[in-house]
C-alpha atoms as a PDB file:
ATOM      1  CA  MET A   1     127.410  57.610-168.631  1.00  0.00           C
ATOM      2  CA  THR A   2     130.299  56.312-170.723  1.00  0.00           C
ATOM      3  CA  THR A   3     133.020  58.608-172.036  1.00  0.00           C
ATOM      4  CA  GLY A   4     135.334  57.895-174.927  1.00  0.00           C
ATOM      5  CA  PHE A   5     138.107  59.722-176.695  1.00  0.00           C
ATOM      6  CA  VAL A   6     138.347  59.134-180.435  1.00  0.00           C
ATOM      7  CA  LEU A   7     141.666  59.843-182.152  1.00  0.00           C
ATOM      8  CA  ILE A   8     141.032  60.495-185.844  1.00  0.00           C
ATOM      9  CA  VAL A   9     143.240  60.500-188.928  1.00  0.00           C
ATOM     10  CA  THR A  10     141.784  62.396-191.892  1.00  0.00           C
ATOM     11  CA  LYS A  11     142.586  62.606-195.572  1.00  0.00           C
ATOM     12  CA  THR A  12     144.652  65.687-196.346  1.00  0.00           C
ATOM     13  CA  GLY A  13     142.360  68.665-196.823  1.00  0.00           C
ATOM     14  CA  PHE A  14     139.381  67.085-195.018  1.00  0.00           C
ATOM     15  CA  GLU A  15     140.236  68.287-191.509  1.00  0.00           C
ATOM     16  CA  ARG A  16     137.699  71.126-191.463  1.00  0.00           C
ATOM     17  CA  LYS A  17     134.910  69.016-192.998  1.00  0.00           C
ATOM     18  CA  VAL A  18     135.472  66.283-190.409  1.00  0.00           C
ATOM     19  CA  ARG A  19     135.471  68.782-187.530  1.00  0.00           C
ATOM     20  CA  GLU A  20     132.212  70.312-188.796  1.00  0.00           C
ATOM     21  CA  ALA A  21     130.592  66.871-189.134  1.00  0.00           C
ATOM     22  CA  LEU A  22     131.645  66.024-185.564  1.00  0.00           C
ATOM     23  CA  ASP A  23     130.135  69.290-184.307  1.00  0.00           C
ATOM     24  CA  ALA A  24     126.755  68.156-185.690  1.00  0.00           C
ATOM     25  CA  LEU A  25     126.712  65.015-183.502  1.00  0.00           C
ATOM     26  CA  ASP A  26     125.056  65.375-180.095  1.00  0.00           C
ATOM     27  CA  GLU A  27     127.319  62.735-178.547  1.00  0.00           C
ATOM     28  CA  VAL A  28     130.470  64.709-179.373  1.00  0.00           C
ATOM     29  CA  VAL A  29     130.871  66.995-176.377  1.00  0.00           C
ATOM     30  CA  HIS A  30     134.174  68.526-177.494  1.00  0.00           C
ATOM     31  CA  ARG A  31     136.772  68.144-180.195  1.00  0.00           C
ATOM     32  CA  TRP A  32     140.278  69.444-180.776  1.00  0.00           C
ATOM     33  CA  GLY A  33     142.506  69.800-183.822  1.00  0.00           C
ATOM     34  CA  LEU A  34     145.829  68.025-183.420  1.00  0.00           C
ATOM     35  CA  PHE A  35     149.191  67.952-185.151  1.00  0.00           C
ATOM     36  CA  GLY A  36     151.127  64.744-185.677  1.00  0.00           C
ATOM     37  CA  LYS A  37     149.908  61.214-186.383  1.00  0.00           C
ATOM     38  CA  PHE A  38     146.307  62.169-185.526  1.00  0.00           C
ATOM     39  CA  ASP A  39     144.406  65.173-186.866  1.00  0.00           C
ATOM     40  CA  VAL A  40     141.407  65.381-184.529  1.00  0.00           C
ATOM     41  CA  LEU A  41     140.583  64.276-180.975  1.00  0.00           C
ATOM     42  CA  ALA A  42     136.886  63.992-180.090  1.00  0.00           C
ATOM     43  CA  ARG A  43     135.422  63.483-176.630  1.00  0.00           C
ATOM     44  CA  VAL A  44     132.188  61.520-176.898  1.00  0.00           C
ATOM     45  CA  GLU A  45     129.570  60.500-174.336  1.00  0.00           C
ATOM     46  CA  ALA A  46     126.691  58.024-174.341  1.00  0.00           C
ATOM     47  CA  ASP A  47     124.510  56.236-171.796  1.00  0.00           C
ATOM     48  CA  SER A  48     126.371  52.935-172.184  1.00  0.00           C
ATOM     49  CA  GLU A  49     129.449  51.419-173.753  1.00  0.00           C
ATOM     50  CA  VAL A  50     127.234  49.664-176.320  1.00  0.00           C
ATOM     51  CA  GLU A  51     125.589  52.962-177.342  1.00  0.00           C
ATOM     52  CA  LEU A  52     128.984  54.664-177.495  1.00  0.00           C
ATOM     53  CA  THR A  53     130.446  51.925-179.684  1.00  0.00           C
ATOM     54  CA  THR A  54     127.414  51.907-181.981  1.00  0.00           C
ATOM     55  CA  MET A  55     127.561  55.699-182.380  1.00  0.00           C
ATOM     56  CA  ILE A  56     131.263  55.644-183.200  1.00  0.00           C
ATOM     57  CA  VAL A  57     130.875  52.878-185.781  1.00  0.00           C
ATOM     58  CA  ASN A  58     127.718  54.278-187.409  1.00  0.00           C
ATOM     59  CA  ASN A  59     128.156  58.050-187.083  1.00  0.00           C
ATOM     60  CA  ILE A  60     131.850  58.887-186.745  1.00  0.00           C
ATOM     61  CA  ARG A  61     133.686  56.257-188.762  1.00  0.00           C
ATOM     62  CA  THR A  62     131.345  56.882-191.708  1.00  0.00           C
ATOM     63  CA  ILE A  63     132.197  60.599-191.985  1.00  0.00           C
ATOM     64  CA  GLU A  64     133.707  61.352-195.378  1.00  0.00           C
ATOM     65  CA  GLY A  65     137.419  62.052-195.079  1.00  0.00           C
ATOM     66  CA  ILE A  66     138.115  59.882-192.045  1.00  0.00           C
ATOM     67  CA  VAL A  67     140.836  57.350-192.771  1.00  0.00           C
ATOM     68  CA  GLU A  68     141.407  55.802-189.339  1.00  0.00           C
ATOM     69  CA  THR A  69     140.175  56.006-185.763  1.00  0.00           C
ATOM     70  CA  ARG A  70     141.437  54.826-182.389  1.00  0.00           C
ATOM     71  CA  THR A  71     139.036  54.895-179.460  1.00  0.00           C
ATOM     72  CA  LEU A  72     139.924  55.046-175.785  1.00  0.00           C
ATOM     73  CA  ILE A  73     136.953  54.281-173.537  1.00  0.00           C
ATOM     74  CA  GLY A  74     137.171  55.669-170.028  1.00  0.00           C
ATOM     75  CA  ALA A  75     135.792  54.029-166.921  1.00  0.00           C
ATOM     76  CA  VAL A  76     135.469  55.320-163.399  1.00  0.00           C
ATOM     77  CA  ILE A  77     137.886  53.346-161.215  1.00  0.00           C
END
C-alpha cells in the first residue's frame, strides 16, 4: 500500500466543488480544507506508487477548479 498527501490550490470559489469531487474518488481516504497557500489536503492510497501517481495525474489533477498540486509520497522506513 502506498500513501500520498496531495496539497491542492484551487481557483477562488471552487473549493467546495473540488472537495466534493475528491469525496467521489475511492482512493481519497480523507481530505481537509486548509487556509493559506493551499486550499485542500487529500490523503490518498493505492496498491503501488505507479497506481498512486496515475490516479493523481488522471483523476485529481483533472478536476475542474484545481490550479496546482504538490504530492508527498510516504514510505515506511
